[in-house]
Every structure is written in structure tokens, then in C-alpha cells.
Amino acid sequence: MIFELKSLLLDQNERILALERQNAMQSEEIAEFRTMIQTQDEKILHLQRQRACKTNIKNSSILKEPTSMNVQMKKASAFKRSGIPEKVIQTSAQQRIARAADTTIAFYAYSSHTFPRPSDHFILNFDTIITNLGNGYHPHSGTFIATRSGYYVFTWSFRIQGDAHISTELMVNDTPRGSVYYDATEKVGGNTGGTVVVHVNQGDEVFIRTTNTNYNLGDILSDNAGRTYFGGWLLF
């Protein structure tokens, strides 16, 4: 009987120890939950402060574009009195610029090489990209693919010299929308180009090509003396 009682007491002690461990674990979980709640409360408070700052910035006249040095000085003084941190102002301005960049479509690229005696309906590829907001221009094919529908301005230029004469045209899909012809003399050459304003649908392809061979003779040049280029931008 004594042995059984000892065994019973040992078993009870183990159960009590197990319960104490379980309570300790639960206490740790409760502490973790409290820490998480405190962290979330701090984040909520931080977001509320940010929203309040953005509201103050939006309603403040100091963010309007200055028209003179006196206006700038007045706005700087108002900025200091407002108590809004300068970094908050700068961040808001950077965000507005980033949003404008996200909605702007514009590109400009030129050719780094000569096109020797281009054939009939030869598509010019402008392989050196300077600007490509919206990523609509594709240098390998020389094609701009509209990412948004709207009215666009397209401009292009090509350079020839000697006895060359070249005709190029701007194409929207399979339809010519503008063309330019230039006939150089023996010792005189240079650049000529065109500009077209046209409505383009999303997914339409815009590119520059030569017209038929009756109007093309000689090389199209592109170097530091004069670039052969293609550009465009979305009006609205």
C-alpha cells in the first residue's frame, strides 16, 4: 500500500508539473499577444499621424507652384510656422512626381548607325533610347506600342547627303499618317523631318519606314553631326 501511495503521489506531482508548464506556456502566449497588440496600436497611431500630416499638406497653400521669389519666401515662412517637418513636405512632393511619371507616356530614341541604301518599306529602328516613360517604345523593332488610347504627337527626323533622296512615312498599324521627302544635292545635305498629331488606340503600333523605292536612293545617316531619331508623347 505504501508503494502504491508513493506511486500515486509521484504521478500527481508529474501532473502538477505538467499543468505548471502549460500555465507558463499560456502566460508566455498571453505576453506575446499583449506585445503584438501594443505594436499594432503603435502602428495605428503612426498611420494616423501620417494621415494628419498629409491632410495638412494637401490643404496648405505652400505646396502650390510658386510664381515669384516673394511668393516662395512667404510660403517658406508659412512652412516654418506650420510645424510640419521638411522631410514630410519633400516626401509628398516626390510622391506627386512619381504619380505623374506613372501616368506620363513619352519616348525619344535615335539611331547609332547608318542605314545603307534602305529598301522599299524598310522600318527604321532607333536603338539608342533617351526617354521611354511608359515603356511603350521597343528599340529592336523600332516600334512604339500604345499603352493607352488617346491623342499623341509623333516626330521624326532623318539625315542624308550627297546625291541621296529619301522619303519616309509614319505608320499607325498598316495606315500611313504622314510622310516627308528630302532630296539632297551633291555637296549639300542635312536633316529633315515631320510631326504628326493623331489618335491612337491602345495596342496600336506606330513606326517609321521608307516609302516605295521610286523615292529612295542613298544612305540614311546618323552620327554626331546629325541624328536620325523618333519620338512622341501622349497629349490627352
C-alpha atoms as a PDB file:
ATOM      1  CA  MET A   1       0.000   0.000   0.000  1.00  0.00           C
ATOM      2  CA  ILE A   2       2.827   2.374   0.818  1.00  0.00           C
ATOM      3  CA  PHE A   3       4.389   1.650  -2.576  1.00  0.00           C
ATOM      4  CA  GLU A   4       1.075   2.361  -4.311  1.00  0.00           C
ATOM      5  CA  LEU A   5       0.664   5.613  -2.372  1.00  0.00           C
ATOM      6  CA  LYS A   6       4.176   6.697  -3.367  1.00  0.00           C
ATOM      7  CA  SER A   7       3.432   5.864  -6.987  1.00  0.00           C
ATOM      8  CA  LEU A   8       0.179   7.828  -6.775  1.00  0.00           C
ATOM      9  CA  LEU A   9       1.963  10.833  -5.253  1.00  0.00           C
ATOM     10  CA  LEU A  10       4.647  10.679  -7.944  1.00  0.00           C
ATOM     11  CA  ASP A  11       2.021  10.574 -10.664  1.00  0.00           C
ATOM     12  CA  GLN A  12       0.184  13.545  -9.142  1.00  0.00           C
ATOM     13  CA  ASN A  13       3.421  15.518  -8.882  1.00  0.00           C
ATOM     14  CA  GLU A  14       4.113  14.884 -12.566  1.00  0.00           C
ATOM     15  CA  ARG A  15       0.600  16.049 -13.457  1.00  0.00           C
ATOM     16  CA  ILE A  16       1.022  19.173 -11.324  1.00  0.00           C
ATOM     17  CA  LEU A  17       4.374  19.867 -13.004  1.00  0.00           C
ATOM     18  CA  ALA A  18       2.781  19.408 -16.420  1.00  0.00           C
ATOM     19  CA  LEU A  19      -0.017  21.823 -15.515  1.00  0.00           C
ATOM     20  CA  GLU A  20       2.501  24.365 -14.279  1.00  0.00           C
ATOM     21  CA  ARG A  21       4.421  24.092 -17.544  1.00  0.00           C
ATOM     22  CA  GLN A  22       1.193  24.502 -19.508  1.00  0.00           C
ATOM     23  CA  ASN A  23       0.292  27.581 -17.478  1.00  0.00           C
ATOM     24  CA  ALA A  24       3.758  29.010 -18.085  1.00  0.00           C
ATOM     25  CA  MET A  25       3.366  28.475 -21.826  1.00  0.00           C
ATOM     26  CA  GLN A  26      -0.051  30.117 -21.775  1.00  0.00           C
ATOM     27  CA  SER A  27       1.398  33.023 -19.828  1.00  0.00           C
ATOM     28  CA  GLU A  28       4.106  33.420 -22.484  1.00  0.00           C
ATOM     29  CA  GLU A  29       1.483  33.338 -25.259  1.00  0.00           C
ATOM     30  CA  ILE A  30      -0.556  35.960 -23.424  1.00  0.00           C
ATOM     31  CA  ALA A  31       2.566  38.120 -23.113  1.00  0.00           C
ATOM     32  CA  GLU A  32       3.234  37.722 -26.840  1.00  0.00           C
ATOM     33  CA  PHE A  33      -0.349  38.684 -27.661  1.00  0.00           C
ATOM     34  CA  ARG A  34      -0.015  41.767 -25.481  1.00  0.00           C
ATOM     35  CA  THR A  35       3.216  42.724 -27.278  1.00  0.00           C
ATOM     36  CA  MET A  36       1.540  42.252 -30.670  1.00  0.00           C
ATOM     37  CA  ILE A  37      -1.421  44.391 -29.599  1.00  0.00           C
ATOM     38  CA  GLN A  38       0.930  47.109 -28.365  1.00  0.00           C
ATOM     39  CA  THR A  39       2.875  47.030 -31.648  1.00  0.00           C
ATOM     40  CA  GLN A  40      -0.335  47.285 -33.682  1.00  0.00           C
ATOM     41  CA  ASP A  41      -1.518  50.198 -31.551  1.00  0.00           C
ATOM     42  CA  GLU A  42       1.776  51.979 -32.223  1.00  0.00           C
ATOM     43  CA  LYS A  43       1.443  51.349 -35.982  1.00  0.00           C
ATOM     44  CA  ILE A  44      -2.144  52.656 -35.965  1.00  0.00           C
ATOM     45  CA  LEU A  45      -1.016  55.781 -34.114  1.00  0.00           C
ATOM     46  CA  HIS A  46       1.835  56.269 -36.607  1.00  0.00           C
ATOM     47  CA  LEU A  47      -0.543  55.917 -39.574  1.00  0.00           C
ATOM     48  CA  GLN A  48      -2.974  58.376 -38.003  1.00  0.00           C
ATOM     49  CA  ARG A  49      -0.173  60.884 -37.620  1.00  0.00           C
ATOM     50  CA  GLN A  50       0.904  60.369 -41.240  1.00  0.00           C
ATOM     51  CA  ARG A  51      -2.673  60.867 -42.452  1.00  0.00           C
ATOM     52  CA  ALA A  52      -2.963  64.035 -40.405  1.00  0.00           C
ATOM     53  CA  CYS A  53       0.283  65.329 -41.900  1.00  0.00           C
ATOM     54  CA  LYS A  54      -0.869  64.529 -45.451  1.00  0.00           C
ATOM     55  CA  THR A  55      -4.182  66.287 -44.817  1.00  0.00           C
ATOM     56  CA  ASN A  56      -2.377  69.360 -43.552  1.00  0.00           C
ATOM     57  CA  ILE A  57      -0.043  69.288 -46.548  1.00  0.00           C
ATOM     58  CA  LYS A  58      -2.916  68.936 -49.021  1.00  0.00           C
ATOM     59  CA  ASN A  59      -4.797  71.842 -47.503  1.00  0.00           C
ATOM     60  CA  SER A  60      -1.727  74.020 -47.191  1.00  0.00           C
ATOM     61  CA  SER A  61      -1.064  76.613 -49.849  1.00  0.00           C
ATOM     62  CA  ILE A  62       2.682  76.184 -49.510  1.00  0.00           C
ATOM     63  CA  LEU A  63       2.646  73.305 -51.998  1.00  0.00           C
ATOM     64  CA  LYS A  64       1.255  75.383 -54.843  1.00  0.00           C
ATOM     65  CA  GLU A  65       3.709  76.192 -57.601  1.00  0.00           C
ATOM     66  CA  PRO A  66       5.480  79.483 -56.847  1.00  0.00           C
ATOM     67  CA  THR A  67       5.054  82.374 -59.259  1.00  0.00           C
ATOM     68  CA  SER A  68       7.781  84.642 -57.897  1.00  0.00           C
ATOM     69  CA  MET A  69      10.611  84.813 -55.384  1.00  0.00           C
ATOM     70  CA  ASN A  70       8.414  86.789 -52.970  1.00  0.00           C
ATOM     71  CA  VAL A  71       5.774  84.067 -53.072  1.00  0.00           C
ATOM     72  CA  GLN A  72       8.442  81.455 -52.365  1.00  0.00           C
ATOM     73  CA  MET A  73       9.692  83.393 -49.347  1.00  0.00           C
ATOM     74  CA  LYS A  74       6.164  83.787 -47.987  1.00  0.00           C
ATOM     75  CA  LYS A  75       5.473  80.097 -48.399  1.00  0.00           C
ATOM     76  CA  ALA A  76       8.767  79.193 -46.735  1.00  0.00           C
ATOM     77  CA  SER A  77       7.801  81.364 -43.781  1.00  0.00           C
ATOM     78  CA  ALA A  78       4.361  79.732 -43.619  1.00  0.00           C
ATOM     79  CA  PHE A  79       6.029  76.328 -43.781  1.00  0.00           C
ATOM     80  CA  LYS A  80       8.176  77.144 -40.740  1.00  0.00           C
ATOM     81  CA  ARG A  81       5.162  78.363 -38.764  1.00  0.00           C
ATOM     82  CA  SER A  82       3.148  75.264 -39.647  1.00  0.00           C
ATOM     83  CA  GLY A  83       5.485  72.978 -37.747  1.00  0.00           C
ATOM     84  CA  ILE A  84       5.313  70.314 -40.481  1.00  0.00           C
ATOM     85  CA  PRO A  85       8.669  68.515 -40.829  1.00  0.00           C
ATOM     86  CA  GLU A  86      10.551  69.368 -44.021  1.00  0.00           C
ATOM     87  CA  LYS A  87      11.059  65.671 -44.818  1.00  0.00           C
ATOM     88  CA  VAL A  88       7.280  65.187 -44.890  1.00  0.00           C
ATOM     89  CA  ILE A  89       6.948  68.020 -47.431  1.00  0.00           C
ATOM     90  CA  GLN A  90       9.723  66.572 -49.603  1.00  0.00           C
ATOM     91  CA  THR A  91       8.248  63.071 -49.442  1.00  0.00           C
ATOM     92  CA  SER A  92       4.829  64.343 -50.521  1.00  0.00           C
ATOM     93  CA  ALA A  93       6.351  66.230 -53.462  1.00  0.00           C
ATOM     94  CA  GLN A  94       8.317  63.157 -54.521  1.00  0.00           C
ATOM     95  CA  GLN A  95       5.146  61.070 -54.382  1.00  0.00           C
ATOM     96  CA  ARG A  96       3.312  63.576 -56.608  1.00  0.00           C
ATOM     97  CA  ILE A  97       6.182  63.480 -59.113  1.00  0.00           C
ATOM     98  CA  ALA A  98       6.152  59.664 -59.048  1.00  0.00           C
ATOM     99  CA  ARG A  99       2.387  59.597 -59.695  1.00  0.00           C
ATOM    100  CA  ALA A 100       2.842  61.970 -62.647  1.00  0.00           C
ATOM    101  CA  ALA A 101       5.587  59.737 -64.035  1.00  0.00           C
ATOM    102  CA  ASP A 102       3.323  56.698 -63.757  1.00  0.00           C
ATOM    103  CA  THR A 103       0.670  58.346 -65.954  1.00  0.00           C
ATOM    104  CA  THR A 104       3.006  60.065 -68.446  1.00  0.00           C
ATOM    105  CA  ILE A 105       3.770  58.471 -71.818  1.00  0.00           C
ATOM    106  CA  ALA A 106       6.715  59.897 -73.738  1.00  0.00           C
ATOM    107  CA  PHE A 107       9.661  58.475 -75.645  1.00  0.00           C
ATOM    108  CA  TYR A 108      12.660  59.583 -77.658  1.00  0.00           C
ATOM    109  CA  ALA A 109      15.321  57.429 -79.332  1.00  0.00           C
ATOM    110  CA  TYR A 110      17.885  57.843 -82.089  1.00  0.00           C
ATOM    111  CA  SER A 111      19.858  55.517 -84.309  1.00  0.00           C
ATOM    112  CA  SER A 112      23.518  54.896 -83.539  1.00  0.00           C
ATOM    113  CA  HIS A 113      24.285  53.646 -87.039  1.00  0.00           C
ATOM    114  CA  THR A 114      23.800  54.330 -90.756  1.00  0.00           C
ATOM    115  CA  PHE A 115      21.064  52.662 -92.786  1.00  0.00           C
ATOM    116  CA  PRO A 116      22.834  51.766 -96.067  1.00  0.00           C
ATOM    117  CA  ARG A 117      20.530  52.127 -99.092  1.00  0.00           C
ATOM    118  CA  PRO A 118      17.315  51.143 -97.300  1.00  0.00           C
ATOM    119  CA  SER A 119      14.882  49.093 -99.347  1.00  0.00           C
ATOM    120  CA  ASP A 120      11.199  49.628-100.068  1.00  0.00           C
ATOM    121  CA  HIS A 121       9.118  49.915 -96.862  1.00  0.00           C
ATOM    122  CA  PHE A 122      12.192  49.453 -94.676  1.00  0.00           C
ATOM    123  CA  ILE A 123      11.365  50.007 -90.967  1.00  0.00           C
ATOM    124  CA  LEU A 124      13.911  52.201 -89.201  1.00  0.00           C
ATOM    125  CA  ASN A 125      14.957  51.007 -85.750  1.00  0.00           C
ATOM    126  CA  PHE A 126      16.187  53.651 -83.331  1.00  0.00           C
ATOM    127  CA  ASP A 127      18.376  51.677 -80.936  1.00  0.00           C
ATOM    128  CA  THR A 128      19.575  54.371 -78.516  1.00  0.00           C
ATOM    129  CA  ILE A 129      16.829  55.210 -76.015  1.00  0.00           C
ATOM    130  CA  ILE A 130      16.989  58.547 -74.209  1.00  0.00           C
ATOM    131  CA  THR A 131      13.443  58.658 -72.821  1.00  0.00           C
ATOM    132  CA  ASN A 132      10.869  55.878 -72.525  1.00  0.00           C
ATOM    133  CA  LEU A 133       8.226  56.817 -69.953  1.00  0.00           C
ATOM    134  CA  GLY A 134       5.533  54.139 -70.006  1.00  0.00           C
ATOM    135  CA  ASN A 135       7.881  51.638 -71.708  1.00  0.00           C
ATOM    136  CA  GLY A 136       5.909  51.806 -74.940  1.00  0.00           C
ATOM    137  CA  TYR A 137       8.869  52.092 -77.309  1.00  0.00           C
ATOM    138  CA  HIS A 138      10.693  48.912 -78.422  1.00  0.00           C
ATOM    139  CA  PRO A 139      14.156  49.638 -79.859  1.00  0.00           C
ATOM    140  CA  HIS A 140      14.788  46.292 -81.558  1.00  0.00           C
ATOM    141  CA  SER A 141      11.774  46.677 -83.845  1.00  0.00           C
ATOM    142  CA  GLY A 142      11.695  50.484 -83.883  1.00  0.00           C
ATOM    143  CA  THR A 143       8.017  50.325 -82.910  1.00  0.00           C
ATOM    144  CA  PHE A 144       6.003  52.275 -80.344  1.00  0.00           C
ATOM    145  CA  ILE A 145       3.063  50.259 -78.952  1.00  0.00           C
ATOM    146  CA  ALA A 146       0.463  52.469 -77.289  1.00  0.00           C
ATOM    147  CA  THR A 147      -0.259  51.501 -73.700  1.00  0.00           C
ATOM    148  CA  ARG A 148      -3.215  53.931 -73.558  1.00  0.00           C
ATOM    149  CA  SER A 149      -5.692  55.283 -76.079  1.00  0.00           C
ATOM    150  CA  GLY A 150      -5.560  59.000 -76.800  1.00  0.00           C
ATOM    151  CA  TYR A 151      -4.191  61.784 -78.972  1.00  0.00           C
ATOM    152  CA  TYR A 152      -0.434  61.565 -79.494  1.00  0.00           C
ATOM    153  CA  VAL A 153       2.239  63.791 -81.017  1.00  0.00           C
ATOM    154  CA  PHE A 154       4.901  61.932 -83.026  1.00  0.00           C
ATOM    155  CA  THR A 155       8.024  63.497 -84.502  1.00  0.00           C
ATOM    156  CA  TRP A 156      10.888  62.048 -86.521  1.00  0.00           C
ATOM    157  CA  SER A 157      13.914  63.190 -88.483  1.00  0.00           C
ATOM    158  CA  PHE A 158      16.435  61.610 -90.868  1.00  0.00           C
ATOM    159  CA  ARG A 159      19.717  62.793 -92.355  1.00  0.00           C
ATOM    160  CA  ILE A 160      21.078  62.329 -95.885  1.00  0.00           C
ATOM    161  CA  GLN A 161      23.784  63.940 -98.024  1.00  0.00           C
ATOM    162  CA  GLY A 162      25.350  63.774-101.464  1.00  0.00           C
ATOM    163  CA  ASP A 163      23.056  62.748-104.309  1.00  0.00           C
ATOM    164  CA  ALA A 164      20.696  60.891-101.962  1.00  0.00           C
ATOM    165  CA  HIS A 165      16.958  61.402-101.856  1.00  0.00           C
ATOM    166  CA  ILE A 166      14.760  59.616 -99.315  1.00  0.00           C
ATOM    167  CA  SER A 167      11.063  59.508 -98.463  1.00  0.00           C
ATOM    168  CA  THR A 168       9.857  58.279 -95.051  1.00  0.00           C
ATOM    169  CA  GLU A 169       6.407  57.923 -93.541  1.00  0.00           C
ATOM    170  CA  LEU A 170       4.853  57.470 -90.122  1.00  0.00           C
ATOM    171  CA  MET A 171       2.654  54.397 -89.903  1.00  0.00           C
ATOM    172  CA  VAL A 172      -0.120  53.545 -87.433  1.00  0.00           C
ATOM    173  CA  ASN A 173      -0.559  49.820 -87.913  1.00  0.00           C
ATOM    174  CA  ASP A 174      -0.951  49.491 -91.703  1.00  0.00           C
ATOM    175  CA  THR A 175      -2.056  53.079 -92.369  1.00  0.00           C
ATOM    176  CA  PRO A 176       0.295  55.969 -93.343  1.00  0.00           C
ATOM    177  CA  ARG A 177      -0.387  59.064 -91.214  1.00  0.00           C
ATOM    178  CA  GLY A 178       2.340  61.385 -92.500  1.00  0.00           C
ATOM    179  CA  SER A 179       5.304  61.419 -94.885  1.00  0.00           C
ATOM    180  CA  VAL A 180       8.403  63.534 -95.562  1.00  0.00           C
ATOM    181  CA  TYR A 181      10.585  63.646 -98.700  1.00  0.00           C
ATOM    182  CA  TYR A 182      14.072  65.159 -98.913  1.00  0.00           C
ATOM    183  CA  ASP A 183      16.361  65.474-101.949  1.00  0.00           C
ATOM    184  CA  ALA A 184      19.965  66.422-101.168  1.00  0.00           C
ATOM    185  CA  THR A 185      22.380  67.927-103.680  1.00  0.00           C
ATOM    186  CA  GLU A 186      25.906  66.791-104.418  1.00  0.00           C
ATOM    187  CA  LYS A 187      27.643  68.870-101.754  1.00  0.00           C
ATOM    188  CA  VAL A 188      24.721  69.766 -99.518  1.00  0.00           C
ATOM    189  CA  GLY A 189      22.853  67.541 -97.096  1.00  0.00           C
ATOM    190  CA  GLY A 190      21.269  67.649 -93.707  1.00  0.00           C
ATOM    191  CA  ASN A 191      18.284  66.645 -91.613  1.00  0.00           C
ATOM    192  CA  THR A 192      14.615  66.872 -92.385  1.00  0.00           C
ATOM    193  CA  GLY A 193      11.651  65.511 -90.513  1.00  0.00           C
ATOM    194  CA  GLY A 194       7.956  65.617 -89.763  1.00  0.00           C
ATOM    195  CA  THR A 195       5.427  65.904 -86.961  1.00  0.00           C
ATOM    196  CA  VAL A 196       2.016  64.228 -86.772  1.00  0.00           C
ATOM    197  CA  VAL A 197      -0.829  64.607 -84.267  1.00  0.00           C
ATOM    198  CA  VAL A 198      -3.076  61.558 -84.415  1.00  0.00           C
ATOM    199  CA  HIS A 199      -5.453  59.487 -82.304  1.00  0.00           C
ATOM    200  CA  VAL A 200      -4.042  56.090 -81.387  1.00  0.00           C
ATOM    201  CA  ASN A 201      -5.845  53.212 -79.714  1.00  0.00           C
ATOM    202  CA  GLN A 202      -4.320  51.067 -77.011  1.00  0.00           C
ATOM    203  CA  GLY A 203      -2.250  48.317 -78.623  1.00  0.00           C
ATOM    204  CA  ASP A 204      -1.754  50.169 -81.932  1.00  0.00           C
ATOM    205  CA  GLU A 205       1.757  50.031 -83.420  1.00  0.00           C
ATOM    206  CA  VAL A 206       3.469  53.219 -84.588  1.00  0.00           C
ATOM    207  CA  PHE A 207       6.731  53.180 -86.574  1.00  0.00           C
ATOM    208  CA  ILE A 208       8.766  54.962 -89.246  1.00  0.00           C
ATOM    209  CA  ARG A 209       9.545  53.339 -92.594  1.00  0.00           C
ATOM    210  CA  THR A 210      10.685  54.279 -96.084  1.00  0.00           C
ATOM    211  CA  THR A 211       8.054  54.646 -98.790  1.00  0.00           C
ATOM    212  CA  ASN A 212       8.370  52.910-102.169  1.00  0.00           C
ATOM    213  CA  THR A 213      11.695  52.635-103.975  1.00  0.00           C
ATOM    214  CA  ASN A 214      10.883  55.289-106.576  1.00  0.00           C
ATOM    215  CA  TYR A 215      11.634  57.920-103.920  1.00  0.00           C
ATOM    216  CA  ASN A 216      14.630  56.293-102.200  1.00  0.00           C
ATOM    217  CA  LEU A 217      18.270  56.476-103.203  1.00  0.00           C
ATOM    218  CA  GLY A 218      21.329  56.597-100.959  1.00  0.00           C
ATOM    219  CA  ASP A 219      22.063  56.078 -97.247  1.00  0.00           C
ATOM    220  CA  ILE A 220      20.269  57.374 -94.178  1.00  0.00           C
ATOM    221  CA  LEU A 221      22.969  58.733 -91.846  1.00  0.00           C
ATOM    222  CA  SER A 222      23.029  59.177 -88.084  1.00  0.00           C
ATOM    223  CA  ASP A 223      26.036  60.460 -86.148  1.00  0.00           C
ATOM    224  CA  ASN A 224      27.164  63.393 -84.007  1.00  0.00           C
ATOM    225  CA  ALA A 225      26.724  65.756 -86.941  1.00  0.00           C
ATOM    226  CA  GLY A 226      23.017  64.939 -87.190  1.00  0.00           C
ATOM    227  CA  ARG A 227      20.881  62.221 -85.626  1.00  0.00           C
ATOM    228  CA  THR A 228      18.126  60.189 -87.233  1.00  0.00           C
ATOM    229  CA  TYR A 229      15.519  59.981 -84.477  1.00  0.00           C
ATOM    230  CA  PHE A 230      11.938  59.138 -83.489  1.00  0.00           C
ATOM    231  CA  GLY A 231       9.918  60.494 -80.557  1.00  0.00           C
ATOM    232  CA  GLY A 232       6.415  61.037 -79.278  1.00  0.00           C
ATOM    233  CA  TRP A 233       4.206  61.772 -76.294  1.00  0.00           C
ATOM    234  CA  LEU A 234       0.597  61.500 -75.156  1.00  0.00           C
ATOM    235  CA  LEU A 235      -1.356  64.761 -75.280  1.00  0.00           C
ATOM    236  CA  PHE A 236      -4.551  63.567 -73.562  1.00  0.00           C
END
